[in-house]
Structure formats: C-alpha cells, structure tokens
Amino acid sequence: MKKSALIAAAVITILTVQSCRQSDEVMSPEEMATLQKVQDSSNNMSDKNGTNALEIEQPTPPVSEVDGEIAPPPRK
C-alpha cells in the first residue's frame, strides 16, 4: 500500500512539473534576422574599438646606452 501511494505521488509530481514547465522559446525568422544584425553591429563596434586602441598607442623609443649608462629620453 505504501509503495503504490509513493509511486502515485511521484507520478503526479512529475506530471505536474512537466505541465507547468514553459516550452522552449522558438524565434521567428524576423527575430532571428534582427538578432543577427545586432550581433554583427556589436562585432563591428568591438573591431573598430580594438583598431582605434592600437592606433592610439605610441611606440616606445628604444633605450640607448651611452658608456654603459642609460641615456635620458630626448626632450620634445
């Protein structure tokens, strides 16, 4: 008797959980196109920012040695 009550409770619980569960969201073709455009523009923006960051950085001049001592950088 206890076994059948336990099995029945388990089955009812499983059925309740399955019926209350939300279905997976399926996107329409329009939504997929919009998402793709947003991702492309985001990737383009990050590419441009990466390129600009490289252009802004100034190369460091090589350290020159004079008689074993490091020479001070030239004045601007």
C-alpha atoms as a PDB file:
ATOM      1  CA  MET A   1       0.000   0.000   0.000  1.00  0.00           C
ATOM      2  CA  LYS A   2       2.796   2.418   0.898  1.00  0.00           C
ATOM      3  CA  LYS A   3       4.656   1.571  -2.309  1.00  0.00           C
ATOM      4  CA  SER A   4       1.666   2.290  -4.537  1.00  0.00           C
ATOM      5  CA  ALA A   5       0.993   5.593  -2.720  1.00  0.00           C
ATOM      6  CA  LEU A   6       4.643   6.604  -3.143  1.00  0.00           C
ATOM      7  CA  ILE A   7       4.611   5.699  -6.854  1.00  0.00           C
ATOM      8  CA  ALA A   8       1.337   7.565  -7.382  1.00  0.00           C
ATOM      9  CA  ALA A   9       2.723  10.651  -5.618  1.00  0.00           C
ATOM     10  CA  ALA A  10       5.857  10.523  -7.773  1.00  0.00           C
ATOM     11  CA  VAL A  11       3.843  10.203 -10.990  1.00  0.00           C
ATOM     12  CA  ILE A  12       1.541  13.087 -10.022  1.00  0.00           C
ATOM     13  CA  THR A  13       4.539  15.254  -9.127  1.00  0.00           C
ATOM     14  CA  ILE A  14       6.292  14.508 -12.421  1.00  0.00           C
ATOM     15  CA  LEU A  15       3.156  15.216 -14.454  1.00  0.00           C
ATOM     16  CA  THR A  16       2.565  18.494 -12.595  1.00  0.00           C
ATOM     17  CA  VAL A  17       6.125  19.662 -13.110  1.00  0.00           C
ATOM     18  CA  GLN A  18       6.038  18.767 -16.812  1.00  0.00           C
ATOM     19  CA  SER A  19       2.741  20.552 -17.411  1.00  0.00           C
ATOM     20  CA  CYS A  20       3.886  23.731 -15.631  1.00  0.00           C
ATOM     21  CA  ARG A  21       7.193  23.898 -17.453  1.00  0.00           C
ATOM     22  CA  GLN A  22       7.495  26.612 -20.082  1.00  0.00           C
ATOM     23  CA  SER A  23       8.153  25.466 -23.586  1.00  0.00           C
ATOM     24  CA  ASP A  24      11.418  26.397 -25.240  1.00  0.00           C
ATOM     25  CA  GLU A  25      11.244  29.739 -26.963  1.00  0.00           C
ATOM     26  CA  VAL A  26      11.217  29.432 -30.725  1.00  0.00           C
ATOM     27  CA  MET A  27      12.246  32.556 -32.590  1.00  0.00           C
ATOM     28  CA  SER A  28      10.583  33.670 -35.774  1.00  0.00           C
ATOM     29  CA  PRO A  29      12.677  34.356 -38.896  1.00  0.00           C
ATOM     30  CA  GLU A  30      12.233  38.116 -38.344  1.00  0.00           C
ATOM     31  CA  GLU A  31      13.523  37.828 -34.798  1.00  0.00           C
ATOM     32  CA  MET A  32      16.490  35.758 -35.958  1.00  0.00           C
ATOM     33  CA  ALA A  33      17.349  38.382 -38.612  1.00  0.00           C
ATOM     34  CA  THR A  34      17.148  41.162 -36.036  1.00  0.00           C
ATOM     35  CA  LEU A  35      19.339  39.235 -33.616  1.00  0.00           C
ATOM     36  CA  GLN A  36      21.903  38.591 -36.349  1.00  0.00           C
ATOM     37  CA  LYS A  37      22.010  42.315 -37.237  1.00  0.00           C
ATOM     38  CA  VAL A  38      22.533  43.268 -33.601  1.00  0.00           C
ATOM     39  CA  GLN A  39      25.341  40.730 -33.200  1.00  0.00           C
ATOM     40  CA  ASP A  40      27.016  41.873 -36.426  1.00  0.00           C
ATOM     41  CA  SER A  41      26.899  45.531 -35.414  1.00  0.00           C
ATOM     42  CA  SER A  42      28.224  44.651 -31.971  1.00  0.00           C
ATOM     43  CA  ASN A  43      31.117  42.732 -33.521  1.00  0.00           C
ATOM     44  CA  ASN A  44      31.854  45.635 -35.882  1.00  0.00           C
ATOM     45  CA  MET A  45      31.919  48.092 -32.983  1.00  0.00           C
ATOM     46  CA  SER A  46      34.310  45.925 -30.974  1.00  0.00           C
ATOM     47  CA  ASP A  47      36.569  45.534 -34.045  1.00  0.00           C
ATOM     48  CA  LYS A  48      36.666  49.299 -34.563  1.00  0.00           C
ATOM     49  CA  ASN A  49      37.420  49.910 -30.889  1.00  0.00           C
ATOM     50  CA  GLY A  50      40.268  47.399 -30.990  1.00  0.00           C
ATOM     51  CA  THR A  51      41.747  49.059 -34.080  1.00  0.00           C
ATOM     52  CA  ASN A  52      41.477  52.533 -32.570  1.00  0.00           C
ATOM     53  CA  ALA A  53      43.155  51.395 -29.385  1.00  0.00           C
ATOM     54  CA  LEU A  54      46.102  50.130 -31.409  1.00  0.00           C
ATOM     55  CA  GLU A  55      46.350  53.377 -33.352  1.00  0.00           C
ATOM     56  CA  ILE A  56      46.322  55.498 -30.187  1.00  0.00           C
ATOM     57  CA  GLU A  57      49.223  53.684 -28.539  1.00  0.00           C
ATOM     58  CA  GLN A  58      52.550  55.334 -29.222  1.00  0.00           C
ATOM     59  CA  PRO A  59      55.532  53.057 -29.749  1.00  0.00           C
ATOM     60  CA  THR A  60      58.136  53.363 -27.038  1.00  0.00           C
ATOM     61  CA  PRO A  61      61.522  54.530 -28.292  1.00  0.00           C
ATOM     62  CA  PRO A  62      64.389  52.072 -27.863  1.00  0.00           C
ATOM     63  CA  VAL A  63      66.595  52.538 -24.839  1.00  0.00           C
ATOM     64  CA  SER A  64      70.044  53.658 -25.876  1.00  0.00           C
ATOM     65  CA  GLU A  65      73.139  53.187 -23.796  1.00  0.00           C
ATOM     66  CA  VAL A  66      75.941  55.736 -23.586  1.00  0.00           C
ATOM     67  CA  ASP A  67      79.145  54.451 -21.961  1.00  0.00           C
ATOM     68  CA  GLY A  68      77.210  51.763 -20.089  1.00  0.00           C
ATOM     69  CA  GLU A  69      74.668  54.222 -18.716  1.00  0.00           C
ATOM     70  CA  ILE A  70      71.116  54.636 -19.900  1.00  0.00           C
ATOM     71  CA  ALA A  71      70.696  57.964 -21.669  1.00  0.00           C
ATOM     72  CA  PRO A  72      67.718  60.130 -20.716  1.00  0.00           C
ATOM     73  CA  PRO A  73      64.951  60.349 -23.324  1.00  0.00           C
ATOM     74  CA  PRO A  74      65.160  63.241 -25.774  1.00  0.00           C
ATOM     75  CA  ARG A  75      63.230  66.375 -24.871  1.00  0.00           C
ATOM     76  CA  LYS A  76      60.352  67.480 -27.031  1.00  0.00           C
END
